[in-house]
Structures are given as C-alpha cells and as structure tokens.
N, C-alpha and C. Protein backbone atom coordinates (compact mmCIF):
# COMPACT_ATOMS: atom_id res chain seq x y z
N MET A 1 -43.29 29.12 -1.87
CA MET A 1 -42.07 29.99 -1.77
C MET A 1 -41.46 29.68 -3.45
N LEU A 2 -41.75 28.49 -3.88
CA LEU A 2 -41.50 28.27 -5.14
C LEU A 2 -42.47 28.95 -5.76
N GLY A 3 -43.87 29.08 -5.53
CA GLY A 3 -44.57 29.91 -6.71
C GLY A 3 -44.39 31.54 -6.72
N ILE A 4 -44.04 32.03 -5.31
CA ILE A 4 -43.44 33.50 -5.30
C ILE A 4 -42.39 33.68 -5.94
N HIS A 5 -41.47 32.99 -5.88
CA HIS A 5 -39.85 33.12 -6.78
C HIS A 5 -40.50 32.79 -8.39
N ALA A 6 -41.71 31.96 -8.38
CA ALA A 6 -42.09 32.00 -10.82
C ALA A 6 -42.71 33.56 -10.10
N LEU A 7 -43.62 34.03 -9.50
CA LEU A 7 -43.78 35.45 -10.32
C LEU A 7 -42.82 36.43 -10.29
N ALA A 8 -42.04 36.35 -9.37
CA ALA A 8 -41.42 37.61 -9.31
C ALA A 8 -39.94 37.46 -9.86
N SER A 9 -39.74 36.33 -10.76
CA SER A 9 -38.60 35.86 -12.01
C SER A 9 -39.25 36.20 -13.15
N GLN A 10 -40.64 36.70 -13.12
CA GLN A 10 -41.30 37.13 -14.98
C GLN A 10 -41.27 38.74 -14.49
N GLN A 11 -40.89 39.12 -13.11
CA GLN A 11 -41.01 40.78 -12.98
C GLN A 11 -39.10 41.24 -13.09
N THR A 12 -38.48 40.33 -13.10
CA THR A 12 -37.40 40.72 -12.73
C THR A 12 -36.01 39.69 -12.96
N SER A 13 -35.11 39.82 -13.74
CA SER A 13 -34.04 39.34 -14.45
C SER A 13 -33.67 38.31 -12.78
N SER A 14 -33.17 37.34 -12.99
CA SER A 14 -33.18 35.66 -12.24
C SER A 14 -31.82 35.81 -12.39
N GLY A 15 -30.57 36.60 -12.92
CA GLY A 15 -29.16 37.01 -13.72
C GLY A 15 -28.99 35.49 -14.93
N VAL A 16 -27.88 35.60 -15.09
CA VAL A 16 -27.58 34.73 -16.26
C VAL A 16 -26.26 33.88 -15.99
N ARG A 17 -25.87 33.00 -16.53
CA ARG A 17 -24.85 31.63 -16.46
C ARG A 17 -23.54 32.78 -16.75
N MET A 18 -22.63 32.80 -16.29
CA MET A 18 -21.33 33.44 -17.00
C MET A 18 -20.13 32.17 -16.61
N ALA A 19 -19.26 32.31 -17.00
CA ALA A 19 -18.03 30.77 -17.22
C ALA A 19 -18.38 30.50 -15.64
N GLY A 20 -18.71 29.50 -15.14
CA GLY A 20 -18.28 28.95 -13.63
C GLY A 20 -19.34 29.66 -12.79
N ILE A 21 -19.91 30.45 -12.87
CA ILE A 21 -21.15 31.07 -12.18
C ILE A 21 -22.54 31.17 -12.16
N ASN A 22 -23.47 30.31 -11.50
CA ASN A 22 -24.39 30.43 -11.64
C ASN A 22 -25.53 32.09 -11.22
N HIS A 23 -26.26 32.29 -11.67
CA HIS A 23 -27.13 33.73 -10.89
C HIS A 23 -26.24 34.77 -11.10
N PHE A 24 -25.13 34.74 -12.28
CA PHE A 24 -24.88 36.05 -11.90
C PHE A 24 -25.48 37.30 -12.48
N GLN A 25 -25.32 38.43 -11.53
CA GLN A 25 -26.04 39.47 -11.96
C GLN A 25 -25.38 41.04 -11.19
N ALA A 26 -25.79 42.05 -12.44
CA ALA A 26 -25.44 43.09 -11.36
C ALA A 26 -25.93 43.73 -10.32
N VAL A 27 -25.71 43.95 -9.15
CA VAL A 27 -26.26 44.89 -8.28
C VAL A 27 -26.37 46.29 -8.84
N ASP A 28 -25.35 46.40 -9.08
CA ASP A 28 -24.73 48.31 -9.28
C ASP A 28 -23.60 48.25 -9.95
N ASP A 29 -23.07 49.74 -10.20
CA ASP A 29 -21.97 49.77 -10.51
C ASP A 29 -20.49 49.23 -9.85
N HIS A 30 -20.95 48.73 -8.52
CA HIS A 30 -19.70 48.55 -7.84
C HIS A 30 -20.01 47.08 -7.20
N LEU A 31 -21.16 46.61 -7.08
CA LEU A 31 -21.33 45.33 -6.67
C LEU A 31 -22.03 44.60 -7.83
N TRP A 32 -21.43 43.14 -7.94
CA TRP A 32 -21.87 41.59 -8.41
C TRP A 32 -22.13 40.96 -7.82
N ARG A 33 -23.42 39.80 -8.14
CA ARG A 33 -23.59 38.50 -7.26
C ARG A 33 -23.83 37.61 -7.94
N GLY A 34 -24.12 36.38 -7.35
CA GLY A 34 -23.75 35.12 -7.77
C GLY A 34 -23.28 34.06 -6.84
N SER A 35 -23.89 32.78 -7.58
CA SER A 35 -23.23 31.29 -6.73
C SER A 35 -21.67 31.57 -6.71
N ALA A 36 -21.17 30.74 -6.08
CA ALA A 36 -19.63 30.62 -5.48
C ALA A 36 -19.22 29.64 -6.72
N PRO A 37 -18.38 30.58 -7.19
CA PRO A 37 -17.33 30.92 -8.44
C PRO A 37 -16.74 28.97 -8.75
N GLN A 38 -16.39 28.68 -9.62
CA GLN A 38 -15.79 27.77 -9.86
C GLN A 38 -14.51 28.16 -10.26
N GLN A 39 -13.29 27.75 -10.67
CA GLN A 39 -11.96 28.44 -11.00
C GLN A 39 -12.17 29.05 -12.37
N ALA A 40 -12.93 28.26 -13.02
CA ALA A 40 -13.43 29.17 -14.41
C ALA A 40 -13.92 30.92 -14.13
N GLY A 41 -14.86 30.87 -13.28
CA GLY A 41 -15.52 31.82 -12.43
C GLY A 41 -14.58 33.05 -12.04
N TYR A 42 -13.56 32.36 -11.25
CA TYR A 42 -12.75 33.63 -10.41
C TYR A 42 -12.07 33.87 -11.72
N ARG A 43 -11.40 33.23 -12.56
CA ARG A 43 -10.61 33.85 -13.40
C ARG A 43 -11.56 34.51 -14.43
N GLU A 44 -12.97 34.83 -14.88
CA GLU A 44 -13.62 35.35 -15.72
C GLU A 44 -14.17 36.51 -14.56
N LEU A 45 -14.12 36.29 -13.40
CA LEU A 45 -14.57 37.78 -12.54
C LEU A 45 -13.32 38.51 -12.74
N ALA A 46 -11.93 38.10 -12.12
CA ALA A 46 -10.78 38.72 -12.62
C ALA A 46 -10.54 39.89 -13.95
N ALA A 47 -10.81 39.33 -14.97
CA ALA A 47 -11.18 39.60 -16.20
C ALA A 47 -11.70 40.57 -16.67
N ARG A 48 -12.92 40.59 -15.73
CA ARG A 48 -14.04 41.76 -15.90
C ARG A 48 -13.81 42.71 -15.01
N GLY A 49 -12.37 42.37 -14.18
CA GLY A 49 -11.95 44.17 -13.22
C GLY A 49 -12.17 43.76 -11.91
N VAL A 50 -12.95 42.63 -11.27
CA VAL A 50 -13.91 42.58 -9.80
C VAL A 50 -12.09 42.44 -9.18
N HIS A 51 -12.14 42.91 -8.03
CA HIS A 51 -11.14 42.93 -7.20
C HIS A 51 -11.22 42.68 -6.05
N THR A 52 -12.32 42.89 -5.76
CA THR A 52 -12.75 41.96 -4.02
C THR A 52 -14.07 40.91 -4.09
N VAL A 53 -13.34 39.55 -3.58
CA VAL A 53 -14.53 38.74 -3.67
C VAL A 53 -14.98 38.23 -2.28
N VAL A 54 -16.09 38.43 -1.80
CA VAL A 54 -16.97 38.36 -0.33
C VAL A 54 -17.76 36.82 -0.56
N ASP A 55 -17.15 36.42 0.16
CA ASP A 55 -17.45 34.75 0.73
C ASP A 55 -18.55 34.81 1.78
N LEU A 56 -19.90 34.51 1.84
CA LEU A 56 -20.62 34.48 2.96
C LEU A 56 -20.74 32.71 3.43
N ARG A 57 -20.00 31.95 3.02
CA ARG A 57 -19.71 30.20 3.25
C ARG A 57 -20.19 30.28 4.35
N ALA A 58 -20.27 29.89 5.15
CA ALA A 58 -20.09 29.44 6.74
C ALA A 58 -19.71 27.75 6.73
N GLU A 59 -19.67 26.93 5.48
CA GLU A 59 -19.17 25.83 5.60
C GLU A 59 -18.16 25.51 5.63
N ASP A 60 -17.87 24.34 6.27
CA ASP A 60 -16.16 24.02 6.58
C ASP A 60 -15.69 23.79 4.90
N LEU A 61 -14.79 24.51 4.63
CA LEU A 61 -14.44 24.52 3.19
C LEU A 61 -12.64 24.04 3.04
N SER A 62 -12.52 23.37 2.02
CA SER A 62 -10.86 23.41 1.84
C SER A 62 -10.23 24.94 1.87
N ALA A 63 -9.03 24.71 1.53
CA ALA A 63 -8.08 25.90 1.81
C ALA A 63 -8.02 25.71 0.64
N LYS A 64 -8.19 25.26 -0.65
CA LYS A 64 -7.88 25.23 -2.08
C LYS A 64 -9.25 25.95 -2.58
N ALA A 65 -10.57 25.63 -1.69
CA ALA A 65 -11.27 26.13 -1.81
C ALA A 65 -11.87 27.46 -1.59
N LEU A 66 -10.79 27.63 -0.72
CA LEU A 66 -10.67 29.36 -0.04
C LEU A 66 -10.12 30.01 -0.88
N ALA A 67 -8.84 29.42 -1.61
CA ALA A 67 -8.02 30.37 -2.28
C ALA A 67 -8.36 30.71 -3.72
N GLY A 68 -9.15 30.10 -4.45
CA GLY A 68 -9.54 30.64 -5.63
C GLY A 68 -9.92 32.29 -5.95
N PRO A 69 -10.16 33.00 -5.16
CA PRO A 69 -9.79 34.22 -5.77
C PRO A 69 -8.32 34.88 -5.45
N GLU A 70 -8.12 34.71 -4.47
CA GLU A 70 -6.23 35.01 -4.51
C GLU A 70 -5.58 34.27 -5.55
N ASP A 71 -5.67 33.34 -5.84
CA ASP A 71 -5.16 31.94 -6.75
C ASP A 71 -5.46 33.16 -8.34
N ALA A 72 -6.33 34.01 -8.62
CA ALA A 72 -6.99 34.98 -9.65
C ALA A 72 -6.40 36.15 -9.44
N GLY A 73 -5.59 36.47 -8.71
CA GLY A 73 -5.10 37.98 -8.28
C GLY A 73 -6.68 38.98 -7.76
N MET A 74 -7.62 38.18 -6.98
CA MET A 74 -8.17 39.02 -6.17
C MET A 74 -8.42 39.25 -4.60
N LYS A 75 -8.64 40.27 -3.99
CA LYS A 75 -8.92 40.12 -2.66
C LYS A 75 -9.92 38.99 -2.33
N ALA A 76 -9.77 38.52 -0.98
CA ALA A 76 -10.65 37.59 -0.54
C ALA A 76 -11.02 38.21 1.08
N VAL A 77 -12.65 38.12 1.31
CA VAL A 77 -13.19 38.48 2.71
C VAL A 77 -14.13 37.64 2.70
N ARG A 78 -13.96 37.14 3.50
CA ARG A 78 -15.02 35.91 4.44
C ARG A 78 -15.52 36.68 5.25
N MET A 79 -17.33 36.35 5.16
CA MET A 79 -17.71 37.21 6.38
C MET A 79 -19.00 35.40 6.35
N PRO A 80 -18.71 34.61 7.17
CA PRO A 80 -19.68 33.66 7.53
C PRO A 80 -20.98 33.65 8.01
N ILE A 81 -21.95 33.18 7.09
CA ILE A 81 -23.52 33.42 7.43
C ILE A 81 -23.91 31.77 7.26
N ARG A 82 -24.19 31.00 8.03
CA ARG A 82 -25.34 29.98 7.86
C ARG A 82 -26.29 29.80 7.16
N ASP A 83 -26.24 28.99 6.21
CA ASP A 83 -26.79 28.35 5.36
C ASP A 83 -28.56 28.61 5.70
N GLY A 84 -29.26 29.08 5.11
CA GLY A 84 -30.30 29.68 5.60
C GLY A 84 -30.71 30.70 6.53
N GLN A 85 -29.84 31.30 6.70
CA GLN A 85 -29.82 32.76 8.21
C GLN A 85 -29.58 34.39 7.13
N THR A 86 -29.59 34.80 7.98
CA THR A 86 -29.48 35.86 7.84
C THR A 86 -28.07 36.66 8.62
N PRO A 87 -27.29 37.49 7.58
CA PRO A 87 -26.57 38.85 8.31
C PRO A 87 -26.88 38.91 9.67
N THR A 88 -25.84 39.55 10.60
CA THR A 88 -25.83 40.94 11.57
C THR A 88 -25.65 42.51 10.98
N THR A 89 -26.27 42.81 12.10
CA THR A 89 -26.11 44.64 11.72
C THR A 89 -24.49 44.87 11.01
N GLN A 90 -23.36 43.97 12.24
CA GLN A 90 -22.41 44.36 12.08
C GLN A 90 -21.30 43.72 10.63
N GLN A 91 -22.56 42.37 10.55
CA GLN A 91 -21.82 41.94 8.83
C GLN A 91 -22.33 43.00 7.86
N VAL A 92 -23.26 43.97 7.68
CA VAL A 92 -23.86 44.30 6.83
C VAL A 92 -22.77 45.58 6.71
N ASN A 93 -22.54 45.69 8.04
CA ASN A 93 -21.87 47.41 7.82
C ASN A 93 -20.59 47.32 7.29
N HIS A 94 -19.91 45.94 7.72
CA HIS A 94 -18.92 45.55 7.07
C HIS A 94 -18.50 45.19 5.46
N PHE A 95 -19.44 44.79 5.15
CA PHE A 95 -19.98 44.11 3.81
C PHE A 95 -19.94 45.92 2.94
N VAL A 96 -20.83 46.68 3.55
CA VAL A 96 -20.99 48.04 3.02
C VAL A 96 -18.98 48.89 2.56
N LYS A 97 -18.66 48.63 3.71
CA LYS A 97 -17.32 48.99 3.99
C LYS A 97 -16.10 48.41 3.30
N ALA A 98 -16.77 47.53 2.81
CA ALA A 98 -15.84 46.59 1.89
C ALA A 98 -16.27 47.31 0.26
N VAL A 99 -17.24 47.22 -0.16
CA VAL A 99 -17.64 47.51 -1.42
C VAL A 99 -17.02 48.92 -1.66
N GLU A 100 -17.74 50.12 -0.22
CA GLU A 100 -17.04 51.10 -0.74
C GLU A 100 -15.56 51.55 -0.94
N SER A 101 -14.69 50.36 -0.07
CA SER A 101 -13.31 50.74 -0.37
C SER A 101 -13.03 50.16 -1.18
N SER A 102 -13.11 49.36 -2.10
CA SER A 102 -12.61 48.39 -2.75
C SER A 102 -12.49 49.29 -3.71
N SER A 103 -11.35 49.44 -4.81
CA SER A 103 -11.39 49.85 -5.78
C SER A 103 -11.55 50.01 -7.24
N GLY A 104 -12.29 48.85 -7.13
CA GLY A 104 -13.01 47.89 -8.29
C GLY A 104 -14.24 47.33 -8.21
N PRO A 105 -15.12 46.76 -9.24
CA PRO A 105 -16.01 46.07 -8.40
C PRO A 105 -15.71 44.56 -7.43
N VAL A 106 -16.99 44.75 -6.70
CA VAL A 106 -17.03 43.62 -5.45
C VAL A 106 -17.72 42.70 -6.05
N PHE A 107 -17.62 40.79 -6.19
CA PHE A 107 -18.25 40.05 -6.25
C PHE A 107 -18.70 39.21 -4.98
N VAL A 108 -19.78 39.17 -4.89
CA VAL A 108 -20.45 38.34 -3.40
C VAL A 108 -21.28 37.09 -3.85
N HIS A 109 -20.89 36.40 -3.10
CA HIS A 109 -21.60 34.93 -3.35
C HIS A 109 -22.09 34.57 -1.64
N CYS A 110 -22.73 33.00 -2.05
CA CYS A 110 -22.91 32.20 -0.74
C CYS A 110 -22.55 30.34 -1.83
N GLY A 111 -23.08 29.29 -1.13
CA GLY A 111 -22.98 28.50 -2.14
C GLY A 111 -23.81 28.90 -3.26
N ALA A 112 -24.92 28.90 -3.31
CA ALA A 112 -26.12 29.04 -4.62
C ALA A 112 -26.11 30.52 -4.93
N GLY A 113 -26.07 31.61 -4.25
CA GLY A 113 -26.31 33.00 -4.81
C GLY A 113 -27.39 33.29 -4.44
N VAL A 114 -28.33 32.63 -3.88
CA VAL A 114 -29.31 33.22 -3.36
C VAL A 114 -30.05 33.78 -2.23
N GLY A 115 -29.69 32.59 -1.07
CA GLY A 115 -30.07 33.42 0.36
C GLY A 115 -29.50 34.36 0.79
N ARG A 116 -28.36 33.51 1.22
CA ARG A 116 -27.49 34.28 2.15
C ARG A 116 -26.99 35.71 1.24
N THR A 117 -26.76 35.08 -0.26
CA THR A 117 -26.34 36.65 -0.93
C THR A 117 -27.31 37.81 -0.91
N GLY A 118 -28.83 37.39 -1.00
CA GLY A 118 -29.70 38.05 -1.66
C GLY A 118 -29.89 38.55 -0.27
N ALA A 119 -29.95 38.04 1.01
CA ALA A 119 -29.97 38.88 2.21
C ALA A 119 -29.17 40.04 2.41
N MET A 120 -27.96 39.98 2.34
CA MET A 120 -26.95 40.77 2.07
C MET A 120 -27.07 41.62 0.80
N VAL A 121 -27.06 41.36 0.03
CA VAL A 121 -27.80 42.36 -1.01
C VAL A 121 -28.71 43.34 -0.90
N ALA A 122 -29.58 42.68 -0.53
CA ALA A 122 -31.04 43.56 0.11
C ALA A 122 -30.84 44.63 1.11
N ALA A 123 -29.99 44.11 1.91
CA ALA A 123 -29.45 45.03 3.25
C ALA A 123 -28.78 46.26 2.43
N TYR A 124 -27.67 45.81 1.51
CA TYR A 124 -26.93 46.80 1.27
C TYR A 124 -27.82 47.84 0.10
N ALA A 125 -28.41 47.23 -0.82
CA ALA A 125 -29.92 48.16 -1.41
C ALA A 125 -30.80 49.28 -0.76
N VAL A 126 -31.05 48.48 0.29
CA VAL A 126 -31.56 49.35 1.02
C VAL A 126 -31.01 50.25 1.72
N ARG A 127 -30.05 49.92 2.29
CA ARG A 127 -29.04 51.35 2.98
C ARG A 127 -28.60 52.32 2.20
N LEU A 128 -28.29 51.72 0.57
CA LEU A 128 -27.72 52.79 -0.33
C LEU A 128 -28.72 53.82 -0.76
N GLY A 129 -30.20 53.25 -0.48
CA GLY A 129 -31.48 54.30 -0.86
C GLY A 129 -31.04 53.34 -2.82
N GLU A 130 -30.41 52.45 -3.19
CA GLU A 130 -30.76 51.95 -3.87
C GLU A 130 -32.08 50.70 -4.33
N ALA A 131 -32.97 50.36 -3.34
CA ALA A 131 -34.12 49.59 -3.50
C ALA A 131 -34.93 50.23 -2.07
N THR A 132 -36.43 49.73 -2.18
CA THR A 132 -36.83 49.54 -0.97
C THR A 132 -36.74 48.44 -0.78
N SER A 133 -37.27 48.07 0.68
CA SER A 133 -37.10 46.77 1.06
C SER A 133 -38.20 45.63 0.45
N THR A 134 -39.22 45.85 -0.35
CA THR A 134 -39.95 45.18 -1.02
C THR A 134 -39.18 44.45 -2.42
N GLN A 135 -38.74 46.25 -2.94
CA GLN A 135 -37.82 45.89 -3.76
C GLN A 135 -36.80 45.00 -3.74
N ALA A 136 -36.67 45.52 -2.96
CA ALA A 136 -34.89 44.27 -2.79
C ALA A 136 -35.41 42.69 -2.35
N ALA A 137 -36.22 42.48 -1.60
CA ALA A 137 -37.48 40.99 -1.23
C ALA A 137 -37.94 40.76 -2.61
N LEU A 138 -38.47 41.00 -3.61
CA LEU A 138 -38.21 40.68 -4.91
C LEU A 138 -37.41 40.79 -5.86
N ARG A 139 -36.32 40.76 -5.93
CA ARG A 139 -35.12 40.78 -6.63
C ARG A 139 -34.34 39.83 -6.06
N ASN A 140 -34.06 39.34 -4.62
CA ASN A 140 -33.87 37.79 -4.35
C ASN A 140 -34.97 36.95 -4.51
N LEU A 141 -36.08 37.03 -4.36
CA LEU A 141 -36.64 36.23 -4.87
C LEU A 141 -36.89 35.83 -6.16
N ALA A 142 -36.50 37.24 -7.10
CA ALA A 142 -36.29 36.67 -8.48
C ALA A 142 -35.36 34.91 -9.28
N VAL A 143 -34.13 35.47 -8.03
CA VAL A 143 -33.06 34.59 -8.29
C VAL A 143 -33.14 33.34 -7.88
N GLY A 144 -33.81 32.85 -7.01
CA GLY A 144 -34.13 31.88 -6.41
C GLY A 144 -34.94 31.37 -5.21
N PRO A 145 -35.81 30.41 -4.58
CA PRO A 145 -36.49 30.41 -3.25
C PRO A 145 -35.70 30.86 -2.30
N PRO A 146 -35.50 31.82 -1.64
CA PRO A 146 -34.85 31.64 -0.33
C PRO A 146 -35.23 31.33 1.09
N SER A 147 -34.82 31.30 1.96
CA SER A 147 -35.54 30.83 2.97
C SER A 147 -36.48 31.54 3.65
N ILE A 148 -37.69 31.11 4.28
CA ILE A 148 -38.47 32.38 4.74
C ILE A 148 -37.83 33.42 6.23
N GLU A 149 -36.89 33.17 6.49
CA GLU A 149 -36.51 34.03 7.50
C GLU A 149 -35.56 35.07 6.75
N GLN A 150 -35.30 34.60 5.75
CA GLN A 150 -34.13 35.80 4.75
C GLN A 150 -35.48 36.45 4.03
N VAL A 151 -36.55 36.00 3.70
CA VAL A 151 -37.50 36.92 2.62
C VAL A 151 -37.98 37.66 4.14
N TRP A 152 -37.69 37.54 5.00
CA TRP A 152 -38.57 38.31 6.45
C TRP A 152 -37.70 39.62 6.60
N TYR A 153 -36.27 39.02 6.81
CA TYR A 153 -35.44 39.80 6.41
C TYR A 153 -35.20 41.18 5.87
N ALA A 154 -35.13 40.59 4.15
CA ALA A 154 -35.44 41.76 3.48
C ALA A 154 -36.04 42.79 3.12
N LEU A 155 -37.98 41.87 4.09
CA LEU A 155 -38.88 42.81 3.61
C LEU A 155 -38.36 43.68 5.11
N SER A 156 -38.16 43.55 6.44
CA SER A 156 -37.61 44.35 7.22
C SER A 156 -36.65 44.97 7.51
N THR A 157 -35.47 45.26 6.15
CA THR A 157 -34.16 45.93 5.84
C THR A 157 -34.86 47.45 5.88
N ASN A 158 -34.04 48.49 6.57
CA ASN A 158 -34.21 49.87 6.63
C ASN A 158 -33.06 50.55 6.51
N LYS A 159 -33.27 51.33 5.82
CA LYS A 159 -31.83 52.40 5.55
C LYS A 159 -30.63 52.60 7.19
N ASP A 160 -31.57 52.79 7.99
CA ASP A 160 -30.79 52.47 9.51
C ASP A 160 -29.63 51.82 9.80
N ASP A 161 -28.77 51.66 10.84
CA ASP A 161 -28.21 50.56 10.96
C ASP A 161 -28.86 49.56 12.14
N ASP A 162 -30.28 49.76 11.92
CA ASP A 162 -30.36 48.94 12.86
C ASP A 162 -31.31 47.57 12.57
N THR A 163 -31.33 47.05 11.25
CA THR A 163 -31.98 46.08 11.14
C THR A 163 -32.24 45.15 11.90
N GLU A 164 -33.33 44.60 12.53
CA GLU A 164 -33.37 43.33 13.38
C GLU A 164 -33.51 42.07 12.82
N GLN A 165 -32.38 40.87 13.36
CA GLN A 165 -33.18 39.55 12.84
C GLN A 165 -34.24 39.19 13.24
N PRO A 166 -35.00 38.45 12.35
CA PRO A 166 -36.14 37.39 12.45
C PRO A 166 -36.71 37.58 13.87
N PRO A 167 -37.60 37.63 14.11
CA PRO A 167 -38.63 36.51 15.27
C PRO A 167 -37.99 35.42 16.05
N ALA A 168 -37.80 34.72 17.18
CA ALA A 168 -37.79 33.41 17.12
C ALA A 168 -38.85 32.49 16.14
N ALA A 169 -40.22 33.15 16.25
CA ALA A 169 -40.73 32.14 15.45
C ALA A 169 -40.55 31.95 14.19
N ILE A 170 -40.00 33.20 13.49
CA ILE A 170 -40.20 33.00 11.71
C ILE A 170 -39.27 32.09 12.17
N GLU A 171 -37.92 32.60 13.02
CA GLU A 171 -36.28 31.81 12.50
C GLU A 171 -36.88 29.72 12.75
N ALA A 172 -37.77 29.57 13.27
CA ALA A 172 -38.08 28.38 13.75
C ALA A 172 -38.77 27.74 12.78
N MET A 173 -40.00 28.75 12.30
CA MET A 173 -40.84 27.97 11.13
C MET A 173 -39.81 28.08 9.70
N SER A 174 -38.91 29.04 9.40
CA SER A 174 -38.01 29.22 8.66
C SER A 174 -37.16 27.66 8.88
N ARG A 175 -36.43 27.44 9.87
CA ARG A 175 -36.01 26.27 9.90
C ARG A 175 -36.36 25.04 9.65
N ILE A 176 -37.73 24.45 10.19
CA ILE A 176 -37.75 23.90 10.00
C ILE A 176 -38.22 23.44 8.61
N LEU A 177 -38.95 24.37 7.88
CA LEU A 177 -39.30 23.92 6.46
C LEU A 177 -37.82 23.77 5.13
N ASP A 178 -37.04 24.61 6.01
CA ASP A 178 -35.98 24.90 5.33
C ASP A 178 -35.12 23.57 5.72
N ALA A 179 -35.40 22.53 6.68
CA ALA A 179 -34.47 21.93 7.04
C ALA A 179 -34.03 20.67 5.99
N PRO A 180 -35.02 20.00 4.94
CA PRO A 180 -34.58 18.84 4.16
C PRO A 180 -33.80 19.25 3.18
N ARG A 181 -33.71 20.73 2.58
CA ARG A 181 -33.21 21.35 1.68
C ARG A 181 -31.72 21.29 2.39
N ARG A 182 -31.58 21.77 3.51
CA ARG A 182 -30.18 21.96 4.03
C ARG A 182 -29.47 20.21 4.17
N ILE A 183 -30.16 19.59 4.86
CA ILE A 183 -29.92 18.69 5.29
C ILE A 183 -29.27 17.85 3.40
N SER A 184 -30.42 17.93 2.61
CA SER A 184 -29.77 17.28 1.49
C SER A 184 -28.66 17.93 0.94
N ALA A 185 -28.29 19.16 1.05
CA ALA A 185 -27.11 20.05 0.43
C ALA A 185 -26.13 19.25 1.48
N SER A 186 -25.96 18.83 2.31
CA SER A 186 -24.98 18.28 3.25
C SER A 186 -24.48 17.10 3.20
N ILE A 187 -25.58 16.05 2.39
CA ILE A 187 -24.79 14.79 2.08
C ILE A 187 -24.35 14.44 1.15
C-alpha cells in the first residue's frame, strides 16, 4: 500500500499543511478535506469562510475536542465511521446533502484525513460526476495509504446510491493487515 501511495502522490497532490491541519486539500469549490484540526486549524477554516465541519471520527472524544468547530463559529456535523472502515450509503447521502445545503464551504476530516475522509470524498466526487472511481481512488492514495477495504470501496463507488460495502473477505484481510496501525494509534 505504501508503494502505491508513493506512485499516486507523484501524479496527484497529497495536500498541503495549513495551520493546524495536515493533508489540507480542496476537493471542489464547496468541499475541502484534511486531518482533524487543532484549534488553530478551526480558526483558519473559519477565517477562510468554512461554514460546516463534518467529523467522521468514531473514537471516544472529549466534549472539548468536539467543540472546536462551534467554538470557531462553524456548524459541526458528526458522521462516525470506525477507523479503517467505509461509509454506509445512508452516510454518503447525508454527507452529500450536508455539502449541498451549506451556505459556504464544508471541511471534512477523520483523524489523519486519509482513509475515512478519502472514502467519503471518493463517494462524493463519483456521485457528483467530478471523478471516476479510479480517479477518486488514486486521489485518496496520493494523500496517504488507506486501508484495503477503503481502496476497494473507492474503486467500487458508482454514481447511483447503491455502492456496497466491501465483501467479507476484503474486510477481513484489510482489518488483519491494518490492525497493527490501529492498535498503535489507540495506545
């Protein structure tokens, strides 16, 4: 996965570092993506006109950690997805509506701004016709190495509302191979 990430990042921007946010990248005129912001990141997003922040983290977070967007004057939307996993069709539908109904730019993030964020952004870009599933998967791989099930999901995403979750065999292999990273992140 690291080798594919290296190749993809030569073709596509992996984003830039903005104050308090890693992997910051514009997806289109309405959507930006990146890692979970620090307080400086939330202030910078608000200063750039972001109206809504979508948080995909499912981790147990403190009230202070969850208050960042609202403390900076932005609307906060939570759509918890477990680390290494993919959004449901219902979550993608809710996400697309959140972006479309926002009166200004939307910023989406998970922890690192790679896997869950990339899977959601891939579904969004394909659904809106801004990218093919292959282009969306390569854009995500350029940012960082997502889980195998997230790559499968991005490659399987379609314009309809019926993108399925990865098959059980893909999920099992992905979770076994991704377990060391997830364990070390939780320690």
